[in-house]
Amino acid sequence: MAVFGVLAAVLGVLGLIAPDALLATMGFDPVPGSRRADGDHTPVFVTASSMAAVNMGVYYVLASLADWKPFFRWTVPFRLLTCTVFTLAVVGGRAPSGFLGVGLWEGLGAVATGLALRFERGRGAPRQDPLPLGAPQ
């Protein structure tokens, strides 16, 4: 989880500093600012997505450092959902084929996380449930 978090944060920073480089890594052809059509808000969405990736990366690293298993369990179904949505975006022609790698990364990460959690549980690792909001710690 820490590796995923660091990669997410690094790619988020890349998107904030060099959005065209990030777009190119995902298979999109960057359009120079001078050639953008009026109303093209791609830079806004790349900035928002990149900042979200930085935040998410930090959440993953912190959860990993705290060994917070419930967080890891919560990520599995949502990363599988992300894999499905991104794959359908490519299949449906809404995204270039290079974007399929992003969906596969999410799907493989979800499967690896789920298998690791199952392996740990099989070894007798106790299940950590989150404290209810407001509960004393």
N, C-alpha and C. Protein backbone atom coordinates (compact mmCIF):
# COMPACT_ATOMS: atom_id res chain seq x y z
N MET A 1 0.82 -1.19 0.00
CA MET A 1 0.00 0.00 0.00
C MET A 1 0.87 1.25 0.00
N ALA A 2 1.98 1.19 0.71
CA ALA A 2 2.86 2.36 0.76
C ALA A 2 3.43 2.64 -0.63
N VAL A 3 3.77 1.59 -1.38
CA VAL A 3 4.32 1.79 -2.73
C VAL A 3 3.27 2.46 -3.62
N PHE A 4 2.03 1.98 -3.55
CA PHE A 4 0.97 2.60 -4.33
C PHE A 4 0.80 4.06 -3.92
N GLY A 5 0.84 4.32 -2.62
CA GLY A 5 0.69 5.69 -2.14
C GLY A 5 1.78 6.60 -2.65
N VAL A 6 3.00 6.13 -2.59
CA VAL A 6 4.12 6.95 -3.08
C VAL A 6 3.97 7.20 -4.58
N LEU A 7 3.63 6.16 -5.35
CA LEU A 7 3.46 6.34 -6.79
C LEU A 7 2.32 7.31 -7.10
N ALA A 8 1.21 7.19 -6.38
CA ALA A 8 0.09 8.11 -6.60
C ALA A 8 0.51 9.55 -6.31
N ALA A 9 1.22 9.75 -5.21
CA ALA A 9 1.65 11.10 -4.85
C ALA A 9 2.65 11.65 -5.87
N VAL A 10 3.58 10.82 -6.31
CA VAL A 10 4.58 11.27 -7.29
C VAL A 10 3.90 11.64 -8.61
N LEU A 11 2.98 10.78 -9.07
CA LEU A 11 2.28 11.10 -10.32
C LEU A 11 1.39 12.33 -10.16
N GLY A 12 0.83 12.51 -8.96
CA GLY A 12 0.06 13.72 -8.70
C GLY A 12 0.92 14.97 -8.78
N VAL A 13 2.09 14.91 -8.20
CA VAL A 13 3.01 16.05 -8.27
C VAL A 13 3.42 16.29 -9.73
N LEU A 14 3.68 15.21 -10.48
CA LEU A 14 4.01 15.35 -11.89
C LEU A 14 2.89 16.09 -12.63
N GLY A 15 1.65 15.72 -12.33
CA GLY A 15 0.51 16.37 -12.98
C GLY A 15 0.38 17.84 -12.61
N LEU A 16 0.79 18.18 -11.40
CA LEU A 16 0.74 19.59 -10.98
C LEU A 16 1.86 20.41 -11.63
N ILE A 17 3.03 19.78 -11.78
CA ILE A 17 4.19 20.50 -12.32
C ILE A 17 4.23 20.45 -13.84
N ALA A 18 3.95 19.28 -14.42
CA ALA A 18 4.05 19.08 -15.86
C ALA A 18 2.85 18.29 -16.36
N PRO A 19 1.68 18.93 -16.43
CA PRO A 19 0.46 18.20 -16.79
C PRO A 19 0.55 17.49 -18.15
N ASP A 20 1.23 18.09 -19.12
CA ASP A 20 1.33 17.43 -20.43
C ASP A 20 2.12 16.13 -20.34
N ALA A 21 3.13 16.09 -19.48
CA ALA A 21 3.90 14.86 -19.31
C ALA A 21 3.02 13.77 -18.69
N LEU A 22 2.19 14.13 -17.73
CA LEU A 22 1.29 13.16 -17.13
C LEU A 22 0.29 12.64 -18.16
N LEU A 23 -0.29 13.55 -18.93
CA LEU A 23 -1.23 13.13 -19.97
C LEU A 23 -0.58 12.17 -20.96
N ALA A 24 0.66 12.45 -21.33
CA ALA A 24 1.36 11.59 -22.29
C ALA A 24 1.60 10.20 -21.71
N THR A 25 1.89 10.10 -20.40
CA THR A 25 2.11 8.77 -19.80
C THR A 25 0.85 7.93 -19.81
N MET A 26 -0.31 8.57 -19.88
CA MET A 26 -1.58 7.84 -19.90
C MET A 26 -2.10 7.63 -21.31
N GLY A 27 -1.31 8.01 -22.32
CA GLY A 27 -1.72 7.76 -23.69
C GLY A 27 -2.50 8.88 -24.34
N PHE A 28 -2.62 10.02 -23.68
CA PHE A 28 -3.31 11.16 -24.26
C PHE A 28 -2.31 12.02 -25.03
N ASP A 29 -2.72 12.60 -26.14
CA ASP A 29 -1.88 13.53 -26.87
C ASP A 29 -2.08 14.91 -26.28
N PRO A 30 -1.06 15.45 -25.61
CA PRO A 30 -1.21 16.79 -25.03
C PRO A 30 -1.41 17.84 -26.13
N VAL A 31 -2.21 18.82 -25.82
CA VAL A 31 -2.47 19.92 -26.74
C VAL A 31 -1.82 21.16 -26.14
N PRO A 32 -0.93 21.81 -26.87
CA PRO A 32 -0.32 23.03 -26.33
C PRO A 32 -1.39 24.07 -26.00
N GLY A 33 -1.13 24.83 -24.95
CA GLY A 33 -2.10 25.84 -24.51
C GLY A 33 -2.54 26.79 -25.60
N SER A 34 -1.61 27.12 -26.50
CA SER A 34 -1.96 28.06 -27.57
C SER A 34 -2.94 27.46 -28.57
N ARG A 35 -3.06 26.12 -28.59
CA ARG A 35 -3.97 25.46 -29.54
C ARG A 35 -5.25 24.99 -28.88
N ARG A 36 -5.42 25.26 -27.61
CA ARG A 36 -6.63 24.83 -26.92
C ARG A 36 -7.82 25.68 -27.36
N ALA A 37 -8.94 25.02 -27.53
CA ALA A 37 -10.16 25.74 -27.88
C ALA A 37 -10.68 26.50 -26.68
N ASP A 38 -11.38 27.59 -26.93
CA ASP A 38 -12.03 28.31 -25.83
C ASP A 38 -12.97 27.34 -25.12
N GLY A 39 -12.94 27.36 -23.81
CA GLY A 39 -13.80 26.48 -23.04
C GLY A 39 -13.19 25.11 -22.78
N ASP A 40 -11.96 24.86 -23.25
CA ASP A 40 -11.28 23.59 -22.97
C ASP A 40 -10.74 23.66 -21.55
N HIS A 41 -11.33 22.90 -20.68
CA HIS A 41 -10.95 22.94 -19.26
C HIS A 41 -10.07 21.77 -18.85
N THR A 42 -9.41 21.15 -19.82
CA THR A 42 -8.53 20.02 -19.52
C THR A 42 -7.52 20.35 -18.43
N PRO A 43 -6.84 21.51 -18.49
CA PRO A 43 -5.87 21.82 -17.43
C PRO A 43 -6.49 21.88 -16.03
N VAL A 44 -7.72 22.34 -15.94
CA VAL A 44 -8.40 22.40 -14.64
C VAL A 44 -8.63 20.99 -14.11
N PHE A 45 -9.09 20.09 -14.97
CA PHE A 45 -9.34 18.71 -14.54
C PHE A 45 -8.05 17.97 -14.21
N VAL A 46 -6.99 18.22 -14.97
CA VAL A 46 -5.71 17.59 -14.66
C VAL A 46 -5.20 18.10 -13.32
N THR A 47 -5.34 19.39 -13.06
CA THR A 47 -4.92 19.95 -11.78
C THR A 47 -5.71 19.35 -10.63
N ALA A 48 -7.03 19.29 -10.78
CA ALA A 48 -7.88 18.73 -9.71
C ALA A 48 -7.56 17.25 -9.49
N SER A 49 -7.42 16.49 -10.57
CA SER A 49 -7.12 15.06 -10.44
C SER A 49 -5.74 14.85 -9.84
N SER A 50 -4.79 15.68 -10.22
CA SER A 50 -3.43 15.55 -9.69
C SER A 50 -3.39 15.86 -8.21
N MET A 51 -4.10 16.90 -7.79
CA MET A 51 -4.14 17.22 -6.36
C MET A 51 -4.81 16.10 -5.59
N ALA A 52 -5.87 15.52 -6.14
CA ALA A 52 -6.53 14.39 -5.50
C ALA A 52 -5.57 13.20 -5.40
N ALA A 53 -4.75 12.98 -6.42
CA ALA A 53 -3.78 11.89 -6.39
C ALA A 53 -2.72 12.11 -5.31
N VAL A 54 -2.28 13.36 -5.15
CA VAL A 54 -1.32 13.66 -4.08
C VAL A 54 -1.95 13.34 -2.72
N ASN A 55 -3.16 13.83 -2.52
CA ASN A 55 -3.85 13.57 -1.24
C ASN A 55 -4.04 12.07 -1.02
N MET A 56 -4.52 11.38 -2.04
CA MET A 56 -4.77 9.95 -1.91
C MET A 56 -3.47 9.21 -1.61
N GLY A 57 -2.40 9.61 -2.27
CA GLY A 57 -1.11 8.98 -2.02
C GLY A 57 -0.68 9.13 -0.58
N VAL A 58 -0.87 10.32 -0.04
CA VAL A 58 -0.52 10.55 1.37
C VAL A 58 -1.41 9.70 2.28
N TYR A 59 -2.71 9.60 1.97
CA TYR A 59 -3.61 8.76 2.79
C TYR A 59 -3.12 7.32 2.81
N TYR A 60 -2.73 6.80 1.64
CA TYR A 60 -2.27 5.42 1.56
C TYR A 60 -0.99 5.21 2.36
N VAL A 61 -0.06 6.16 2.26
CA VAL A 61 1.20 6.02 3.00
C VAL A 61 0.92 6.07 4.50
N LEU A 62 0.09 7.01 4.94
CA LEU A 62 -0.23 7.11 6.38
C LEU A 62 -0.95 5.86 6.87
N ALA A 63 -1.90 5.36 6.09
CA ALA A 63 -2.62 4.13 6.48
C ALA A 63 -1.65 2.96 6.55
N SER A 64 -0.70 2.94 5.64
CA SER A 64 0.29 1.86 5.64
C SER A 64 1.19 1.94 6.87
N LEU A 65 1.63 3.14 7.19
CA LEU A 65 2.48 3.32 8.37
C LEU A 65 1.74 2.93 9.65
N ALA A 66 0.43 3.17 9.68
CA ALA A 66 -0.38 2.83 10.85
C ALA A 66 -0.87 1.38 10.80
N ASP A 67 -0.59 0.68 9.68
CA ASP A 67 -1.07 -0.68 9.46
C ASP A 67 -2.57 -0.78 9.68
N TRP A 68 -3.29 0.15 9.07
CA TRP A 68 -4.74 0.29 9.26
C TRP A 68 -5.48 -0.60 8.27
N LYS A 69 -5.70 -1.84 8.64
CA LYS A 69 -6.30 -2.85 7.78
C LYS A 69 -7.70 -2.49 7.26
N PRO A 70 -8.57 -1.87 8.08
CA PRO A 70 -9.88 -1.53 7.52
C PRO A 70 -9.78 -0.61 6.30
N PHE A 71 -8.85 0.31 6.32
CA PHE A 71 -8.66 1.18 5.16
C PHE A 71 -8.31 0.34 3.93
N PHE A 72 -7.39 -0.61 4.12
CA PHE A 72 -6.99 -1.46 3.00
C PHE A 72 -8.19 -2.24 2.45
N ARG A 73 -9.02 -2.79 3.36
CA ARG A 73 -10.21 -3.54 2.92
C ARG A 73 -11.15 -2.64 2.14
N TRP A 74 -11.32 -1.41 2.58
CA TRP A 74 -12.24 -0.49 1.88
C TRP A 74 -11.76 -0.18 0.48
N THR A 75 -10.45 -0.19 0.26
CA THR A 75 -9.94 0.17 -1.06
C THR A 75 -10.22 -0.90 -2.11
N VAL A 76 -10.35 -2.15 -1.71
CA VAL A 76 -10.47 -3.24 -2.69
C VAL A 76 -11.70 -3.06 -3.60
N PRO A 77 -12.91 -2.94 -3.07
CA PRO A 77 -14.05 -2.81 -4.00
C PRO A 77 -14.02 -1.52 -4.81
N PHE A 78 -13.51 -0.45 -4.22
CA PHE A 78 -13.50 0.81 -4.96
C PHE A 78 -12.43 0.84 -6.04
N ARG A 79 -11.32 0.15 -5.81
CA ARG A 79 -10.31 0.06 -6.87
C ARG A 79 -10.80 -0.86 -7.98
N LEU A 80 -11.56 -1.90 -7.64
CA LEU A 80 -12.16 -2.75 -8.69
C LEU A 80 -13.17 -1.95 -9.50
N LEU A 81 -13.95 -1.11 -8.83
CA LEU A 81 -14.90 -0.24 -9.54
C LEU A 81 -14.15 0.72 -10.46
N THR A 82 -13.06 1.29 -9.98
CA THR A 82 -12.25 2.19 -10.80
C THR A 82 -11.71 1.46 -12.02
N CYS A 83 -11.23 0.24 -11.83
CA CYS A 83 -10.75 -0.58 -12.94
C CYS A 83 -11.85 -0.76 -13.98
N THR A 84 -13.04 -1.07 -13.52
CA THR A 84 -14.17 -1.30 -14.43
C THR A 84 -14.51 -0.03 -15.21
N VAL A 85 -14.62 1.10 -14.51
CA VAL A 85 -14.99 2.36 -15.16
C VAL A 85 -13.93 2.77 -16.18
N PHE A 86 -12.65 2.68 -15.79
CA PHE A 86 -11.58 3.08 -16.71
C PHE A 86 -11.51 2.15 -17.92
N THR A 87 -11.70 0.86 -17.70
CA THR A 87 -11.69 -0.09 -18.82
C THR A 87 -12.85 0.19 -19.77
N LEU A 88 -14.01 0.45 -19.21
CA LEU A 88 -15.17 0.77 -20.05
C LEU A 88 -14.98 2.08 -20.80
N ALA A 89 -14.24 3.02 -20.21
CA ALA A 89 -13.95 4.28 -20.91
C ALA A 89 -13.11 4.01 -22.16
N VAL A 90 -12.17 3.09 -22.07
CA VAL A 90 -11.36 2.75 -23.24
C VAL A 90 -12.19 1.98 -24.26
N VAL A 91 -12.92 0.96 -23.78
CA VAL A 91 -13.74 0.14 -24.68
C VAL A 91 -14.80 0.99 -25.37
N GLY A 92 -15.35 1.96 -24.65
CA GLY A 92 -16.39 2.81 -25.21
C GLY A 92 -15.87 3.97 -26.03
N GLY A 93 -14.57 4.09 -26.18
CA GLY A 93 -14.00 5.15 -27.01
C GLY A 93 -13.89 6.51 -26.33
N ARG A 94 -14.08 6.55 -25.03
CA ARG A 94 -13.98 7.83 -24.31
C ARG A 94 -12.55 8.15 -23.90
N ALA A 95 -11.67 7.14 -23.96
CA ALA A 95 -10.28 7.32 -23.56
C ALA A 95 -9.39 6.52 -24.50
N PRO A 96 -8.14 6.96 -24.69
CA PRO A 96 -7.23 6.22 -25.57
C PRO A 96 -6.82 4.89 -24.96
N SER A 97 -6.34 4.01 -25.81
CA SER A 97 -5.99 2.66 -25.34
C SER A 97 -4.91 2.68 -24.26
N GLY A 98 -4.04 3.69 -24.25
CA GLY A 98 -3.01 3.78 -23.22
C GLY A 98 -3.58 3.94 -21.83
N PHE A 99 -4.80 4.43 -21.75
CA PHE A 99 -5.46 4.63 -20.45
C PHE A 99 -5.86 3.30 -19.83
N LEU A 100 -5.90 2.25 -20.65
CA LEU A 100 -6.22 0.92 -20.13
C LEU A 100 -5.23 0.51 -19.05
N GLY A 101 -3.98 0.95 -19.18
CA GLY A 101 -2.97 0.64 -18.17
C GLY A 101 -3.33 1.18 -16.80
N VAL A 102 -3.97 2.32 -16.76
CA VAL A 102 -4.39 2.90 -15.48
C VAL A 102 -5.46 2.01 -14.84
N GLY A 103 -6.41 1.56 -15.64
CA GLY A 103 -7.44 0.66 -15.13
C GLY A 103 -6.86 -0.66 -14.66
N LEU A 104 -5.93 -1.20 -15.44
CA LEU A 104 -5.31 -2.47 -15.04
C LEU A 104 -4.49 -2.31 -13.77
N TRP A 105 -3.80 -1.19 -13.63
CA TRP A 105 -3.04 -0.90 -12.41
C TRP A 105 -3.98 -0.95 -11.20
N GLU A 106 -5.13 -0.31 -11.32
CA GLU A 106 -6.10 -0.30 -10.22
C GLU A 106 -6.62 -1.71 -9.94
N GLY A 107 -6.96 -2.43 -10.99
CA GLY A 107 -7.50 -3.78 -10.80
C GLY A 107 -6.48 -4.72 -10.18
N LEU A 108 -5.26 -4.70 -10.69
CA LEU A 108 -4.22 -5.56 -10.13
C LEU A 108 -3.89 -5.17 -8.69
N GLY A 109 -3.90 -3.87 -8.42
CA GLY A 109 -3.66 -3.41 -7.06
C GLY A 109 -4.74 -3.89 -6.10
N ALA A 110 -5.98 -3.88 -6.57
CA ALA A 110 -7.09 -4.35 -5.73
C ALA A 110 -6.96 -5.83 -5.45
N VAL A 111 -6.64 -6.60 -6.49
CA VAL A 111 -6.50 -8.05 -6.32
C VAL A 111 -5.33 -8.35 -5.38
N ALA A 112 -4.21 -7.68 -5.58
CA ALA A 112 -3.04 -7.91 -4.72
C ALA A 112 -3.36 -7.56 -3.27
N THR A 113 -4.06 -6.46 -3.06
CA THR A 113 -4.43 -6.05 -1.70
C THR A 113 -5.37 -7.07 -1.08
N GLY A 114 -6.38 -7.50 -1.83
CA GLY A 114 -7.32 -8.49 -1.31
C GLY A 114 -6.64 -9.80 -0.96
N LEU A 115 -5.73 -10.25 -1.82
CA LEU A 115 -5.00 -11.49 -1.55
C LEU A 115 -4.10 -11.35 -0.32
N ALA A 116 -3.44 -10.21 -0.19
CA ALA A 116 -2.57 -9.99 0.97
C ALA A 116 -3.38 -9.98 2.26
N LEU A 117 -4.55 -9.35 2.24
CA LEU A 117 -5.41 -9.32 3.43
C LEU A 117 -5.89 -10.72 3.77
N ARG A 118 -6.25 -11.49 2.76
CA ARG A 118 -6.71 -12.87 2.99
C ARG A 118 -5.57 -13.72 3.55
N PHE A 119 -4.37 -13.55 3.00
CA PHE A 119 -3.20 -14.29 3.48
C PHE A 119 -2.92 -13.96 4.95
N GLU A 120 -2.96 -12.69 5.29
CA GLU A 120 -2.71 -12.29 6.69
C GLU A 120 -3.78 -12.84 7.62
N ARG A 121 -5.02 -12.80 7.18
CA ARG A 121 -6.10 -13.32 8.02
C ARG A 121 -5.93 -14.82 8.22
N GLY A 122 -5.49 -15.50 7.18
CA GLY A 122 -5.26 -16.93 7.26
C GLY A 122 -4.14 -17.29 8.23
N ARG A 123 -3.23 -16.37 8.43
CA ARG A 123 -2.14 -16.59 9.37
C ARG A 123 -2.53 -16.23 10.80
N GLY A 124 -3.79 -15.84 10.97
CA GLY A 124 -4.27 -15.54 12.32
C GLY A 124 -4.10 -14.09 12.74
N ALA A 125 -3.83 -13.21 11.80
CA ALA A 125 -3.73 -11.80 12.15
C ALA A 125 -5.10 -11.30 12.59
N PRO A 126 -5.19 -10.61 13.72
CA PRO A 126 -6.50 -10.14 14.18
C PRO A 126 -7.06 -9.08 13.25
N ARG A 127 -8.38 -9.10 13.11
CA ARG A 127 -9.06 -8.11 12.29
C ARG A 127 -9.20 -6.82 13.08
N GLN A 128 -8.80 -5.71 12.46
CA GLN A 128 -8.94 -4.41 13.10
C GLN A 128 -10.20 -3.74 12.54
N ASP A 129 -11.12 -3.43 13.41
CA ASP A 129 -12.28 -2.68 12.98
C ASP A 129 -12.12 -1.24 13.43
N PRO A 130 -12.61 -0.30 12.63
CA PRO A 130 -12.46 1.10 13.00
C PRO A 130 -13.26 1.44 14.24
N LEU A 131 -12.77 2.39 14.98
CA LEU A 131 -13.51 2.89 16.13
C LEU A 131 -14.68 3.72 15.65
N PRO A 132 -15.83 3.65 16.29
CA PRO A 132 -16.93 4.53 15.91
C PRO A 132 -16.50 5.98 16.11
N LEU A 133 -17.05 6.87 15.31
CA LEU A 133 -16.74 8.28 15.47
C LEU A 133 -17.06 8.74 16.89
N GLY A 134 -16.14 9.46 17.47
CA GLY A 134 -16.36 9.99 18.82
C GLY A 134 -16.03 9.02 19.93
N ALA A 135 -15.65 7.77 19.61
CA ALA A 135 -15.34 6.80 20.65
C ALA A 135 -13.98 7.12 21.27
N PRO A 136 -13.84 6.92 22.56
CA PRO A 136 -12.53 7.18 23.18
C PRO A 136 -11.50 6.19 22.64
N GLN A 137 -10.28 6.67 22.52
CA GLN A 137 -9.22 5.82 21.95
C GLN A 137 -8.31 5.28 23.02
